[in-house]
Amino acid sequence: MKKVGVNSESVDKCVRASFVTSEEGQVTDNKLLREDRTWSDQLGVFMHPSITINNITYRGDLNGYDIFKAVCAGFMDQPNACKGDNIFTALDKITEADSAQPRSGQKKNRHHARKWHIILAVVVVIALNLGALYLYRRHTKKKMDQDLRF
């Protein structure tokens, strides 16, 4: 905590103050955890970790890009970082400053992968439908042949 400039004594004091003790001096409750549980119930949180944006529980993929877009959707006047896919430019700057491996080309690969996933899904659905249609027609033809024999 010292490295990031957080006063550890203040944190300890806050943690100690959050506990409720009985008359016998036993710890019976934690105010912060109770308040957190109350908020969770009000916001419909059913699993942790969970993200709440503007008092609405986020339901979606817990990845940075999707959460970023959900936060941006909450702005009436979106900042420049929210317009288009500028998040990748910002992430590249942060990554280049902190790491020796920049995220170059991430935007292109991300969208490219999504297109191929969609195309593959459509092909699989069509193949399954054609297979089901073939089996149905085959079954119907057998049933008709049996009915005509009797």
Protein backbone atom coordinates (compact mmCIF):
# COMPACT_ATOMS: atom_id res chain seq x y z
CA MET A 1 0.00 0.00 0.00
CA LYS A 2 2.91 2.32 0.68
CA LYS A 3 4.09 1.90 -2.91
CA VAL A 4 0.85 3.40 -4.29
CA GLY A 5 0.54 6.00 -1.52
CA VAL A 6 -2.28 4.52 0.55
CA ASN A 7 -2.21 5.21 4.28
CA SER A 8 -2.38 1.74 5.84
CA GLU A 9 -3.40 3.13 9.24
CA SER A 10 -6.52 4.71 7.72
CA VAL A 11 -7.39 1.42 6.02
CA ASP A 12 -6.96 -0.52 9.27
CA LYS A 13 -9.09 2.04 11.12
CA CYS A 14 -11.84 1.74 8.49
CA VAL A 15 -11.79 -2.07 8.67
CA ARG A 16 -11.98 -2.05 12.48
CA ALA A 17 -14.83 0.49 12.42
CA SER A 18 -16.86 -1.71 10.03
CA PHE A 19 -17.33 -4.46 12.64
CA VAL A 20 -20.28 -4.43 15.05
CA THR A 21 -19.68 -5.90 18.49
CA SER A 22 -22.18 -7.19 21.01
CA GLU A 23 -22.38 -6.11 24.64
CA GLU A 24 -20.14 -9.06 25.53
CA GLY A 25 -17.47 -7.74 23.14
CA GLN A 26 -17.96 -10.39 20.47
CA VAL A 27 -18.01 -9.46 16.79
CA THR A 28 -21.56 -10.01 15.51
CA ASP A 29 -21.74 -8.26 12.16
CA ASN A 30 -19.88 -6.24 9.56
CA LYS A 31 -21.64 -3.05 8.45
CA LEU A 32 -19.79 -2.78 5.12
CA LEU A 33 -20.52 -6.37 4.12
CA ARG A 34 -24.19 -6.01 5.15
CA GLU A 35 -24.52 -2.81 3.07
CA ASP A 36 -22.81 -4.55 0.15
CA ARG A 37 -25.26 -7.45 0.41
CA THR A 38 -28.21 -5.02 0.54
CA TRP A 39 -26.96 -3.27 -2.62
CA SER A 40 -26.40 -6.64 -4.29
CA ASP A 41 -29.99 -7.67 -3.56
CA GLN A 42 -31.37 -4.34 -4.82
CA LEU A 43 -29.31 -4.47 -8.03
CA GLY A 44 -30.03 -8.11 -8.79
CA VAL A 45 -26.46 -9.32 -8.40
CA PHE A 46 -26.43 -13.08 -8.17
CA MET A 47 -22.74 -13.84 -8.64
CA HIS A 48 -19.41 -12.25 -7.89
CA PRO A 49 -17.52 -10.59 -9.38
CA SER A 50 -20.25 -8.44 -10.81
CA ILE A 51 -20.20 -5.00 -12.37
CA THR A 52 -22.83 -2.34 -11.82
CA ILE A 53 -22.99 0.60 -14.21
CA ASN A 54 -25.39 3.44 -13.32
CA ASN A 55 -27.20 1.20 -10.80
CA ILE A 56 -27.81 -1.48 -13.44
CA THR A 57 -26.09 -4.84 -13.15
CA TYR A 58 -24.02 -5.51 -16.25
CA ARG A 59 -25.01 -8.76 -17.94
CA GLY A 60 -22.47 -9.72 -20.56
CA ASP A 61 -18.94 -10.89 -21.12
CA LEU A 62 -16.55 -9.82 -18.40
CA ASN A 63 -13.82 -8.62 -20.70
CA GLY A 64 -12.35 -5.16 -20.92
CA TYR A 65 -13.68 -4.24 -24.34
CA ASP A 66 -17.32 -5.15 -23.68
CA ILE A 67 -17.31 -3.50 -20.25
CA PHE A 68 -15.71 -0.40 -21.77
CA LYS A 69 -18.47 -0.21 -24.38
CA ALA A 70 -21.15 -0.66 -21.68
CA VAL A 71 -19.66 2.19 -19.64
CA CYS A 72 -19.49 4.39 -22.74
CA ALA A 73 -23.13 3.63 -23.51
CA GLY A 74 -24.05 5.28 -20.19
CA PHE A 75 -22.81 8.71 -21.31
CA MET A 76 -25.21 11.13 -22.94
CA ASP A 77 -22.27 13.01 -24.48
CA GLN A 78 -19.60 10.40 -25.01
CA PRO A 79 -15.95 11.42 -24.58
CA ASN A 80 -13.61 10.95 -27.53
CA ALA A 81 -12.23 7.73 -26.03
CA CYS A 82 -15.71 6.18 -26.41
CA LYS A 83 -16.19 7.10 -30.05
CA GLY A 84 -15.36 4.30 -32.47
CA ASP A 85 -12.76 1.84 -31.25
CA ASN A 86 -10.38 4.41 -29.74
CA ILE A 87 -9.96 2.19 -26.69
CA PHE A 88 -7.37 0.17 -28.59
CA THR A 89 -5.30 3.29 -29.18
CA ALA A 90 -5.45 4.11 -25.47
CA LEU A 91 -4.60 0.52 -24.53
CA ASP A 92 -1.66 0.53 -26.95
CA LYS A 93 -0.25 3.65 -25.28
CA ILE A 94 -0.63 2.15 -21.80
CA THR A 95 0.81 -1.20 -22.84
CA GLU A 96 3.77 0.33 -24.66
CA ALA A 97 4.60 2.37 -21.59
CA ASP A 98 4.32 -0.61 -19.19
CA SER A 99 5.52 -3.51 -21.33
CA ALA A 100 8.00 -4.39 -24.03
CA GLN A 101 5.28 -6.12 -26.06
CA PRO A 102 2.85 -3.59 -27.63
CA ARG A 103 -0.63 -4.64 -28.75
CA SER A 104 -0.17 -3.65 -32.35
CA GLY A 105 -2.88 -4.77 -34.74
CA GLN A 106 -5.30 -5.86 -32.03
CA LYS A 107 -8.26 -3.99 -33.50
CA LYS A 108 -7.95 -5.70 -36.88
CA ASN A 109 -7.52 -9.19 -35.42
CA ARG A 110 -10.38 -8.76 -32.97
CA HIS A 111 -12.91 -7.89 -35.67
CA HIS A 112 -11.46 -10.39 -38.13
CA ALA A 113 -11.91 -13.21 -35.62
CA ARG A 114 -15.48 -12.18 -34.95
CA LYS A 115 -16.36 -12.25 -38.67
CA TRP A 116 -15.00 -15.77 -39.03
CA HIS A 117 -16.85 -16.91 -35.92
CA ILE A 118 -20.11 -15.62 -37.37
CA ILE A 119 -19.48 -17.19 -40.77
CA LEU A 120 -18.59 -20.52 -39.17
CA ALA A 121 -21.70 -20.41 -36.98
CA VAL A 122 -23.95 -19.72 -39.99
CA VAL A 123 -22.37 -22.60 -41.96
CA VAL A 124 -22.83 -24.99 -39.01
CA VAL A 125 -26.48 -23.96 -38.56
CA ILE A 126 -27.20 -24.43 -42.28
CA ALA A 127 -25.47 -27.84 -42.27
CA LEU A 128 -27.48 -28.95 -39.23
CA ASN A 129 -30.73 -27.80 -40.85
CA LEU A 130 -29.94 -29.60 -44.10
CA GLY A 131 -29.08 -32.76 -42.17
CA ALA A 132 -32.32 -32.56 -40.19
CA LEU A 133 -34.30 -31.98 -43.40
CA TYR A 134 -32.67 -35.00 -45.07
CA LEU A 135 -33.45 -37.23 -42.08
CA TYR A 136 -37.03 -35.98 -41.94
CA ARG A 137 -37.64 -36.61 -45.64
CA ARG A 138 -36.09 -40.07 -45.38
CA HIS A 139 -38.28 -40.92 -42.39
CA THR A 140 -41.39 -39.58 -44.12
CA LYS A 141 -40.65 -41.57 -47.28
CA LYS A 142 -40.23 -44.81 -45.28
CA LYS A 143 -43.47 -44.11 -43.44
CA MET A 144 -45.34 -43.49 -46.72
CA ASP A 145 -43.89 -46.69 -48.27
CA GLN A 146 -45.06 -48.70 -45.25
CA ASP A 147 -48.52 -47.15 -45.39
CA LEU A 148 -48.86 -47.94 -49.13
CA ARG A 149 -47.85 -51.62 -48.64
CA PHE A 150 -50.75 -52.33 -46.30
